[in-house]
């Protein structure tokens, strides 16, 4: 049986994930040095957030809307930035697949740990760089938010892989002829 790790070791897949992850890291860096981040937050809140909330309420899913808003408020009360968590969640998923597609068996075996470590180093360096910009400030809260996003990404990916393996194993048992 070919498993997910074997499929990820193809050279083309490795390059693909590296390129996508580097482009994503460049986007994260651009956002961190940009003074126009408020425009993005305005877009997410006004053009995406409110219409999504209105859609959920209009379709009798107001409990989902309330739960999501309550979660965002709890995160903000803890001085964490939901934007950082979300951005580094995406970065963590990409980093996981970069390490999973590596030729180094140690990196493949510890993909989640390497993804958290490299993502955290990148996030801390990004915060240090921001401290030199006159219109940006570095903060420990942002670095913690980055780490939380990376950790959540690894939990999500690992649970997704386990669920996928379970489904494939069930499918294999159903397709196997009875003796």
Protein backbone atom coordinates (compact mmCIF):
# COMPACT_ATOMS: atom_id res chain seq x y z
CA UNK A 1 0.00 0.00 0.00
CA UNK A 2 1.34 3.43 -0.97
CA UNK A 3 0.98 5.92 1.83
CA UNK A 4 0.76 9.70 1.81
CA UNK A 5 4.45 10.15 2.68
CA UNK A 6 5.50 8.05 -0.34
CA UNK A 7 3.30 10.09 -2.67
CA UNK A 8 4.77 13.34 -1.32
CA UNK A 9 8.38 12.32 -2.06
CA UNK A 10 8.07 12.91 -5.80
CA UNK A 11 10.56 15.64 -6.86
CA UNK A 12 7.91 17.74 -8.63
CA UNK A 13 5.71 17.87 -5.52
CA UNK A 14 8.63 19.00 -3.38
CA UNK A 15 9.47 21.90 -5.71
CA UNK A 16 5.81 22.87 -5.97
CA UNK A 17 5.40 23.14 -2.20
CA UNK A 18 8.68 25.02 -1.81
CA UNK A 19 7.70 27.58 -4.47
CA UNK A 20 4.20 28.09 -3.05
CA UNK A 21 5.57 28.40 0.50
CA UNK A 22 8.25 30.92 -0.51
CA UNK A 23 5.63 33.01 -2.33
CA UNK A 24 3.39 32.84 0.75
CA UNK A 25 6.32 33.89 2.98
CA UNK A 26 6.96 36.86 0.68
CA UNK A 27 3.29 37.85 0.97
CA UNK A 28 3.51 37.60 4.78
CA UNK A 29 6.64 39.75 4.77
CA UNK A 30 4.97 42.32 2.49
CA UNK A 31 1.97 42.50 4.82
CA UNK A 32 4.24 42.92 7.84
CA UNK A 33 6.15 45.87 6.37
CA UNK A 34 3.17 47.50 4.69
CA UNK A 35 1.61 50.55 6.27
CA UNK A 36 -1.70 49.81 4.53
CA UNK A 37 -2.66 46.79 6.64
CA UNK A 38 -5.69 48.71 7.87
CA UNK A 39 -7.11 48.52 4.35
CA UNK A 40 -6.89 44.73 4.46
CA UNK A 41 -8.52 44.61 7.90
CA UNK A 42 -11.27 46.92 6.61
CA UNK A 43 -11.81 44.61 3.63
CA UNK A 44 -11.98 41.52 5.83
CA UNK A 45 -14.41 43.14 8.24
CA UNK A 46 -16.65 45.18 5.94
CA UNK A 47 -16.52 43.34 2.62
CA UNK A 48 -16.17 39.79 3.90
CA UNK A 49 -17.09 39.59 7.59
CA UNK A 50 -20.39 41.44 7.68
CA UNK A 51 -21.76 39.89 4.46
CA UNK A 52 -20.85 36.41 5.78
CA UNK A 53 -22.55 37.16 9.10
CA UNK A 54 -25.65 38.47 7.30
CA UNK A 55 -25.73 35.35 5.10
CA UNK A 56 -25.54 33.05 8.12
CA UNK A 57 -28.28 34.96 9.95
CA UNK A 58 -30.51 35.03 6.85
CA UNK A 59 -30.19 31.25 6.45
CA UNK A 60 -31.07 30.32 10.04
CA UNK A 61 -27.45 29.75 11.01
CA UNK A 62 -27.19 32.59 13.49
CA UNK A 63 -25.77 30.21 16.12
CA UNK A 64 -22.70 29.66 13.89
CA UNK A 65 -22.36 33.41 13.44
CA UNK A 66 -22.65 34.02 17.20
CA UNK A 67 -20.12 31.27 17.98
CA UNK A 68 -17.61 32.68 15.47
CA UNK A 69 -17.99 36.24 16.77
CA UNK A 70 -17.68 35.06 20.39
CA UNK A 71 -14.48 33.16 19.49
CA UNK A 72 -13.02 36.26 17.82
CA UNK A 73 -13.86 38.39 20.87
CA UNK A 74 -12.26 35.84 23.21
CA UNK A 75 -9.09 35.84 21.10
CA UNK A 76 -8.96 39.64 21.10
CA UNK A 77 -9.50 39.80 24.88
CA UNK A 78 -6.46 37.55 25.25
CA UNK A 79 -4.45 40.19 23.31
CA UNK A 80 -4.04 37.81 20.38
CA UNK A 81 -4.46 38.82 16.76
CA UNK A 82 -6.87 36.63 14.76
CA UNK A 83 -5.24 37.89 11.54
CA UNK A 84 -1.83 36.62 12.63
CA UNK A 85 -3.32 33.30 13.72
CA UNK A 86 -5.05 32.85 10.36
CA UNK A 87 -2.07 33.88 8.25
CA UNK A 88 0.34 31.65 10.16
CA UNK A 89 -2.19 28.79 10.08
CA UNK A 90 -1.91 28.86 6.27
CA UNK A 91 1.87 29.20 6.50
CA UNK A 92 2.01 26.22 8.89
CA UNK A 93 0.03 23.98 6.53
CA UNK A 94 2.35 24.85 3.65
CA UNK A 95 5.47 24.33 5.77
CA UNK A 96 4.17 20.92 6.86
CA UNK A 97 3.89 19.79 3.24
CA UNK A 98 7.33 21.20 2.40
CA UNK A 99 8.90 19.06 5.12
CA UNK A 100 6.67 16.07 4.32
CA UNK A 101 7.91 16.14 0.72
CA UNK A 102 11.57 16.32 1.79
CA UNK A 103 14.11 13.66 0.83
CA UNK A 104 15.41 13.68 4.41
CA UNK A 105 13.61 10.93 6.39
CA UNK A 106 14.07 12.84 9.67
CA UNK A 107 12.29 15.88 8.27
CA UNK A 108 9.50 13.71 6.88
CA UNK A 109 9.05 11.93 10.22
CA UNK A 110 9.01 15.23 12.16
CA UNK A 111 7.27 17.44 9.60
CA UNK A 112 4.99 19.08 12.17
CA UNK A 113 7.84 19.94 14.56
CA UNK A 114 9.98 21.38 11.77
CA UNK A 115 7.04 23.40 10.45
CA UNK A 116 6.38 24.93 13.89
CA UNK A 117 10.07 25.64 14.45
CA UNK A 118 10.74 27.25 11.05
CA UNK A 119 7.48 29.19 11.10
CA UNK A 120 8.22 30.50 14.59
CA UNK A 121 11.75 31.57 13.61
CA UNK A 122 10.34 33.34 10.55
CA UNK A 123 7.65 35.06 12.65
CA UNK A 124 10.15 36.24 15.27
CA UNK A 125 12.52 37.57 12.60
CA UNK A 126 9.57 39.34 11.00
CA UNK A 127 8.69 40.98 14.33
CA UNK A 128 12.31 42.05 14.86
CA UNK A 129 12.37 43.59 11.39
CA UNK A 130 9.15 45.48 12.16
CA UNK A 131 10.81 47.07 15.19
CA UNK A 132 13.08 49.00 12.81
CA UNK A 133 10.19 50.48 10.82
CA UNK A 134 8.88 53.86 12.00
CA UNK A 135 5.22 53.04 11.28
CA UNK A 136 5.17 49.48 12.68
CA UNK A 137 5.78 47.98 16.10
CA UNK A 138 6.95 44.56 17.11
CA UNK A 139 5.07 42.74 19.83
CA UNK A 140 5.30 39.54 21.80
CA UNK A 141 1.53 39.14 21.38
CA UNK A 142 1.94 38.97 17.60
CA UNK A 143 4.72 36.37 17.93
CA UNK A 144 2.49 34.28 20.23
CA UNK A 145 -0.40 34.65 17.77
CA UNK A 146 1.91 33.39 15.02
CA UNK A 147 2.90 30.39 17.13
CA UNK A 148 -0.74 29.56 17.91
CA UNK A 149 -1.57 29.67 14.19
CA UNK A 150 1.33 27.32 13.43
CA UNK A 151 0.32 24.89 16.20
CA UNK A 152 -3.33 24.88 15.12
CA UNK A 153 -2.23 24.16 11.55
CA UNK A 154 -0.22 21.12 12.66
CA UNK A 155 -3.11 19.79 14.74
CA UNK A 156 -5.46 20.29 11.79
CA UNK A 157 -3.14 18.61 9.27
CA UNK A 158 -2.38 15.66 11.54
CA UNK A 159 -6.09 15.11 12.28
CA UNK A 160 -6.89 15.44 8.57
CA UNK A 161 -4.22 12.88 7.63
CA UNK A 162 -5.44 10.47 10.32
CA UNK A 163 -9.05 10.85 9.13
CA UNK A 164 -7.97 10.32 5.53
CA UNK A 165 -6.04 7.16 6.46
CA UNK A 166 -9.07 5.87 8.35
CA UNK A 167 -11.35 6.43 5.37
CA UNK A 168 -8.87 4.76 2.99
CA UNK A 169 -8.46 1.78 5.32
CA UNK A 170 -12.25 1.34 5.55
CA UNK A 171 -12.54 1.58 1.79
CA UNK A 172 -9.78 -1.00 1.36
CA UNK A 173 -11.54 -3.40 3.78
CA UNK A 174 -14.83 -3.03 1.92
CA UNK A 175 -13.16 -3.65 -1.46
CA UNK A 176 -11.15 -6.65 -0.20
CA UNK A 177 -12.72 -10.00 -1.13
CA UNK A 178 -14.01 -12.10 1.76
CA UNK A 179 -12.24 -15.44 2.22
